[in-house]
Structures are given as structure tokens and as C-alpha cells.
């Protein structure tokens, strides 16, 4: 006759409880790793958004210097502006180049409340504006051909 002796029920429960606690520790460590990765991702995305905005501001400033009706004076200028609901500070340095008809503009952009930390810097080369009366006069529209007239697929 074979004995079918069973262990007490409390021993089975203790092993199951220990297994559950170990599984919870493993799951919580995995969740901590995922949380850390997501936090770093969010921080990086936030920083890249700020750098992109600073890049646009610097590019806009170089374009403003380039399109100005007068050639910019050599020296430093600065200012602040509100862009994307944030206060920004920009500083531009205009300097001569070895080429007579070119000036270099270096633009640095930072937050208005932390001007020491430059988020983006950009430089551009600027030509003098054209003389008065010579310049871009605007686009001229090409009229549509009369109805029913075949133009061979080309516009006039």
C-alpha cells in the first residue's frame, strides 16, 4: 500500500506567497526601468523642442538682417522677443569679412531669464541691399488661356 501523505496547507501557501513576492519585485524593477527611459525621452523631446524654437529665431534674425533696406552696421545688437509663449533673448554680432561686399552676422539665442546658456547659434553672410529703384518688383501672374483654346499642355 502506497502512502499518499499530503503536506500541510500552510506550506503550500507560503511557497505561493514567496513566488508572488519575487514576481512583484521583478515586475517593479522592470517598471522602474521603463519609467526611467520614458522620463529621459520626455526630457530629451522637451530640450529638442526648445532648441528647434531657438534655431527658428536665429534663422529669422539672419533673414531680417539680409532683407533690411540698409546694410547692418558693424557691431553688436541685441533684443528680446516673445515666441511660442516664451521670452527669448538674442544677440547679433555684425563683422567685416575679407570680401568687400559681404558682412558676417553671428546670432546667438538664449532664454531671456538665462542669457548665459546659449541654446542655438547661427551665422550668415549678408550682401548690401540693391540701390534704390533696382530690386524685386514682385511676382507677375501668367494669365490663363481663353476657354477652349488648346495650348498643348503648356501655359503661356
C-alpha atoms as a PDB file:
ATOM      1  CA  UNK A   1       0.000   0.000   0.000  1.00  0.00           C
ATOM      2  CA  UNK A   2       1.362   3.335  -1.038  1.00  0.00           C
ATOM      3  CA  UNK A   3       1.068   6.195   1.379  1.00  0.00           C
ATOM      4  CA  UNK A   4      -0.345   9.424  -0.021  1.00  0.00           C
ATOM      5  CA  UNK A   5       0.778  11.752   2.674  1.00  0.00           C
ATOM      6  CA  UNK A   6      -0.019  15.388   1.968  1.00  0.00           C
ATOM      7  CA  UNK A   7       1.936  18.359   3.227  1.00  0.00           C
ATOM      8  CA  UNK A   8       0.108  20.855   5.392  1.00  0.00           C
ATOM      9  CA  UNK A   9      -1.811  23.551   3.581  1.00  0.00           C
ATOM     10  CA  UNK A  10       0.184  26.362   5.199  1.00  0.00           C
ATOM     11  CA  UNK A  11       3.354  25.138   3.498  1.00  0.00           C
ATOM     12  CA  UNK A  12       1.740  25.379   0.041  1.00  0.00           C
ATOM     13  CA  UNK A  13       0.513  28.876   0.784  1.00  0.00           C
ATOM     14  CA  UNK A  14       3.956  30.007   1.938  1.00  0.00           C
ATOM     15  CA  UNK A  15       5.631  28.907  -1.267  1.00  0.00           C
ATOM     16  CA  UNK A  16       2.939  30.586  -3.390  1.00  0.00           C
ATOM     17  CA  UNK A  17       3.278  33.816  -1.382  1.00  0.00           C
ATOM     18  CA  UNK A  18       7.057  33.789  -1.805  1.00  0.00           C
ATOM     19  CA  UNK A  19       6.689  33.245  -5.570  1.00  0.00           C
ATOM     20  CA  UNK A  20       4.224  36.140  -5.840  1.00  0.00           C
ATOM     21  CA  UNK A  21       6.542  38.465  -3.887  1.00  0.00           C
ATOM     22  CA  UNK A  22       9.514  37.602  -6.117  1.00  0.00           C
ATOM     23  CA  UNK A  23       7.388  38.165  -9.234  1.00  0.00           C
ATOM     24  CA  UNK A  24       6.263  41.555  -7.898  1.00  0.00           C
ATOM     25  CA  UNK A  25       9.882  42.583  -7.267  1.00  0.00           C
ATOM     26  CA  UNK A  26      10.850  41.605 -10.823  1.00  0.00           C
ATOM     27  CA  UNK A  27       7.859  43.448 -12.309  1.00  0.00           C
ATOM     28  CA  UNK A  28       8.537  46.573 -10.222  1.00  0.00           C
ATOM     29  CA  UNK A  29      12.198  46.631 -11.324  1.00  0.00           C
ATOM     30  CA  UNK A  30      11.081  46.390 -14.943  1.00  0.00           C
ATOM     31  CA  UNK A  31       8.568  49.205 -14.443  1.00  0.00           C
ATOM     32  CA  UNK A  32      11.267  51.392 -12.865  1.00  0.00           C
ATOM     33  CA  UNK A  33      13.483  50.847 -15.912  1.00  0.00           C
ATOM     34  CA  UNK A  34      10.628  51.731 -18.281  1.00  0.00           C
ATOM     35  CA  UNK A  35       9.784  54.833 -16.219  1.00  0.00           C
ATOM     36  CA  UNK A  36      13.409  55.987 -16.325  1.00  0.00           C
ATOM     37  CA  UNK A  37      13.571  55.520 -20.080  1.00  0.00           C
ATOM     38  CA  UNK A  38      10.298  57.393 -20.653  1.00  0.00           C
ATOM     39  CA  UNK A  39      11.425  60.241 -18.381  1.00  0.00           C
ATOM     40  CA  UNK A  40      14.672  60.594 -20.300  1.00  0.00           C
ATOM     41  CA  UNK A  41      12.746  60.529 -23.593  1.00  0.00           C
ATOM     42  CA  UNK A  42      10.368  63.276 -22.399  1.00  0.00           C
ATOM     43  CA  UNK A  43      13.292  65.393 -21.174  1.00  0.00           C
ATOM     44  CA  UNK A  44      15.109  64.999 -24.490  1.00  0.00           C
ATOM     45  CA  UNK A  45      11.975  65.844 -26.503  1.00  0.00           C
ATOM     46  CA  UNK A  46      11.442  68.970 -24.391  1.00  0.00           C
ATOM     47  CA  UNK A  47      15.060  70.064 -24.909  1.00  0.00           C
ATOM     48  CA  UNK A  48      14.877  69.447 -28.665  1.00  0.00           C
ATOM     49  CA  UNK A  49      11.687  71.498 -28.886  1.00  0.00           C
ATOM     50  CA  UNK A  50      13.447  74.429 -27.196  1.00  0.00           C
ATOM     51  CA  UNK A  51      16.488  74.080 -29.461  1.00  0.00           C
ATOM     52  CA  UNK A  52      14.256  73.995 -32.554  1.00  0.00           C
ATOM     53  CA  UNK A  53      12.488  77.185 -31.467  1.00  0.00           C
ATOM     54  CA  UNK A  54      15.849  78.864 -30.819  1.00  0.00           C
ATOM     55  CA  UNK A  55      17.005  77.744 -34.266  1.00  0.00           C
ATOM     56  CA  UNK A  56      13.975  79.360 -35.894  1.00  0.00           C
ATOM     57  CA  UNK A  57      14.586  82.610 -34.028  1.00  0.00           C
ATOM     58  CA  UNK A  58      18.239  82.704 -35.101  1.00  0.00           C
ATOM     59  CA  UNK A  59      17.304  81.946 -38.699  1.00  0.00           C
ATOM     60  CA  UNK A  60      14.632  84.661 -38.635  1.00  0.00           C
ATOM     61  CA  UNK A  61      17.135  87.210 -37.311  1.00  0.00           C
ATOM     62  CA  UNK A  62      19.689  86.416 -40.031  1.00  0.00           C
ATOM     63  CA  UNK A  63      16.899  86.740 -42.613  1.00  0.00           C
ATOM     64  CA  UNK A  64      15.801  90.089 -41.152  1.00  0.00           C
ATOM     65  CA  UNK A  65      19.373  91.402 -41.455  1.00  0.00           C
ATOM     66  CA  UNK A  66      19.557  90.098 -45.016  1.00  0.00           C
ATOM     67  CA  UNK A  67      16.262  91.715 -46.094  1.00  0.00           C
ATOM     68  CA  UNK A  68      16.770  95.034 -44.315  1.00  0.00           C
ATOM     69  CA  UNK A  69      16.694  98.105 -46.583  1.00  0.00           C
ATOM     70  CA  UNK A  70      20.091  99.198 -45.209  1.00  0.00           C
ATOM     71  CA  UNK A  71      23.269  97.241 -44.695  1.00  0.00           C
ATOM     72  CA  UNK A  72      23.707  96.456 -41.000  1.00  0.00           C
ATOM     73  CA  UNK A  73      26.301  98.464 -39.083  1.00  0.00           C
ATOM     74  CA  UNK A  74      29.344  96.616 -37.817  1.00  0.00           C
ATOM     75  CA  UNK A  75      28.985  95.877 -34.107  1.00  0.00           C
ATOM     76  CA  UNK A  76      26.644  94.170 -31.678  1.00  0.00           C
ATOM     77  CA  UNK A  77      22.894  94.407 -31.333  1.00  0.00           C
ATOM     78  CA  UNK A  78      20.569  92.512 -29.064  1.00  0.00           C
ATOM     79  CA  UNK A  79      16.960  92.266 -28.138  1.00  0.00           C
ATOM     80  CA  UNK A  80      14.255  90.152 -26.619  1.00  0.00           C
ATOM     81  CA  UNK A  81      11.068  88.764 -28.048  1.00  0.00           C
ATOM     82  CA  UNK A  82       8.105  86.585 -27.214  1.00  0.00           C
ATOM     83  CA  UNK A  83       7.972  83.464 -29.373  1.00  0.00           C
ATOM     84  CA  UNK A  84       5.870  80.341 -28.718  1.00  0.00           C
ATOM     85  CA  UNK A  85       4.732  81.810 -25.374  1.00  0.00           C
ATOM     86  CA  UNK A  86       8.338  82.028 -24.137  1.00  0.00           C
ATOM     87  CA  UNK A  87      10.604  85.020 -23.599  1.00  0.00           C
ATOM     88  CA  UNK A  88      13.798  84.824 -25.640  1.00  0.00           C
ATOM     89  CA  UNK A  89      16.981  86.884 -25.795  1.00  0.00           C
ATOM     90  CA  UNK A  90      19.049  87.208 -28.971  1.00  0.00           C
ATOM     91  CA  UNK A  91      22.385  88.818 -29.648  1.00  0.00           C
ATOM     92  CA  UNK A  92      23.797  89.535 -33.105  1.00  0.00           C
ATOM     93  CA  UNK A  93      27.359  90.490 -33.983  1.00  0.00           C
ATOM     94  CA  UNK A  94      27.981  92.001 -37.424  1.00  0.00           C
ATOM     95  CA  UNK A  95      31.591  91.891 -38.603  1.00  0.00           C
ATOM     96  CA  UNK A  96      33.551  92.555 -41.770  1.00  0.00           C
ATOM     97  CA  UNK A  97      34.831  89.780 -43.996  1.00  0.00           C
ATOM     98  CA  UNK A  98      37.726  89.594 -46.417  1.00  0.00           C
ATOM     99  CA  UNK A  99      35.251  90.152 -49.255  1.00  0.00           C
ATOM    100  CA  UNK A 100      34.241  93.813 -49.683  1.00  0.00           C
ATOM    101  CA  UNK A 101      30.548  93.193 -50.362  1.00  0.00           C
ATOM    102  CA  UNK A 102      29.931  90.651 -47.595  1.00  0.00           C
ATOM    103  CA  UNK A 103      29.362  91.019 -43.877  1.00  0.00           C
ATOM    104  CA  UNK A 104      29.134  88.194 -41.389  1.00  0.00           C
ATOM    105  CA  UNK A 105      26.292  88.085 -38.881  1.00  0.00           C
ATOM    106  CA  UNK A 106      26.611  85.790 -35.855  1.00  0.00           C
ATOM    107  CA  UNK A 107      23.365  85.298 -33.925  1.00  0.00           C
ATOM    108  CA  UNK A 108      23.068  83.633 -30.512  1.00  0.00           C
ATOM    109  CA  UNK A 109      19.726  82.795 -28.891  1.00  0.00           C
ATOM    110  CA  UNK A 110      19.018  82.058 -25.230  1.00  0.00           C
ATOM    111  CA  UNK A 111      16.140  82.247 -22.768  1.00  0.00           C
ATOM    112  CA  UNK A 112      15.557  85.782 -21.520  1.00  0.00           C
ATOM    113  CA  UNK A 113      15.917  84.694 -17.892  1.00  0.00           C
ATOM    114  CA  UNK A 114      19.130  82.694 -18.513  1.00  0.00           C
ATOM    115  CA  UNK A 115      21.179  84.605 -21.084  1.00  0.00           C
ATOM    116  CA  UNK A 116      24.429  82.810 -20.260  1.00  0.00           C
ATOM    117  CA  UNK A 117      23.236  79.474 -21.669  1.00  0.00           C
ATOM    118  CA  UNK A 118      23.121  79.811 -25.462  1.00  0.00           C
ATOM    119  CA  UNK A 119      20.638  77.348 -26.943  1.00  0.00           C
ATOM    120  CA  UNK A 120      21.495  77.962 -30.586  1.00  0.00           C
ATOM    121  CA  UNK A 121      23.982  79.993 -32.584  1.00  0.00           C
ATOM    122  CA  UNK A 122      23.973  80.647 -36.312  1.00  0.00           C
ATOM    123  CA  UNK A 123      25.928  82.768 -38.747  1.00  0.00           C
ATOM    124  CA  UNK A 124      25.064  84.165 -42.129  1.00  0.00           C
ATOM    125  CA  UNK A 125      26.750  86.195 -44.846  1.00  0.00           C
ATOM    126  CA  UNK A 126      24.932  89.315 -45.964  1.00  0.00           C
ATOM    127  CA  UNK A 127      25.253  91.293 -49.173  1.00  0.00           C
ATOM    128  CA  UNK A 128      24.471  95.008 -49.338  1.00  0.00           C
ATOM    129  CA  UNK A 129      20.929  95.809 -50.444  1.00  0.00           C
ATOM    130  CA  UNK A 130      20.395  96.818 -54.083  1.00  0.00           C
ATOM    131  CA  UNK A 131      20.357 100.529 -54.937  1.00  0.00           C
ATOM    132  CA  UNK A 132      17.030 102.340 -54.788  1.00  0.00           C
ATOM    133  CA  UNK A 133      14.833 101.585 -57.782  1.00  0.00           C
ATOM    134  CA  UNK A 134      16.595  98.307 -58.536  1.00  0.00           C
ATOM    135  CA  UNK A 135      15.199  95.297 -56.832  1.00  0.00           C
ATOM    136  CA  UNK A 136      12.446  92.790 -56.621  1.00  0.00           C
ATOM    137  CA  UNK A 137       9.229  94.170 -58.068  1.00  0.00           C
ATOM    138  CA  UNK A 138       7.006  91.240 -57.147  1.00  0.00           C
ATOM    139  CA  UNK A 139       5.631  88.253 -58.959  1.00  0.00           C
ATOM    140  CA  UNK A 140       3.627  88.680 -62.110  1.00  0.00           C
ATOM    141  CA  UNK A 141       0.808  86.282 -62.720  1.00  0.00           C
ATOM    142  CA  UNK A 142       0.584  84.450 -66.030  1.00  0.00           C
ATOM    143  CA  UNK A 143      -2.954  84.829 -67.416  1.00  0.00           C
ATOM    144  CA  UNK A 144      -4.961  81.706 -68.088  1.00  0.00           C
ATOM    145  CA  UNK A 145      -5.591  80.893 -71.771  1.00  0.00           C
ATOM    146  CA  UNK A 146      -9.103  81.540 -73.062  1.00  0.00           C
ATOM    147  CA  UNK A 147     -11.573  78.705 -72.622  1.00  0.00           C
ATOM    148  CA  UNK A 148     -11.454  76.086 -75.355  1.00  0.00           C
ATOM    149  CA  UNK A 149      -8.036  77.102 -76.697  1.00  0.00           C
ATOM    150  CA  UNK A 150      -5.554  74.224 -76.797  1.00  0.00           C
ATOM    151  CA  UNK A 151      -2.103  75.161 -75.554  1.00  0.00           C
ATOM    152  CA  UNK A 152      -0.563  71.739 -75.977  1.00  0.00           C
ATOM    153  CA  UNK A 153      -0.412  71.157 -72.227  1.00  0.00           C
ATOM    154  CA  UNK A 154       1.715  74.259 -71.654  1.00  0.00           C
ATOM    155  CA  UNK A 155       0.787  77.556 -70.133  1.00  0.00           C
ATOM    156  CA  UNK A 156       1.578  80.750 -71.897  1.00  0.00           C
END
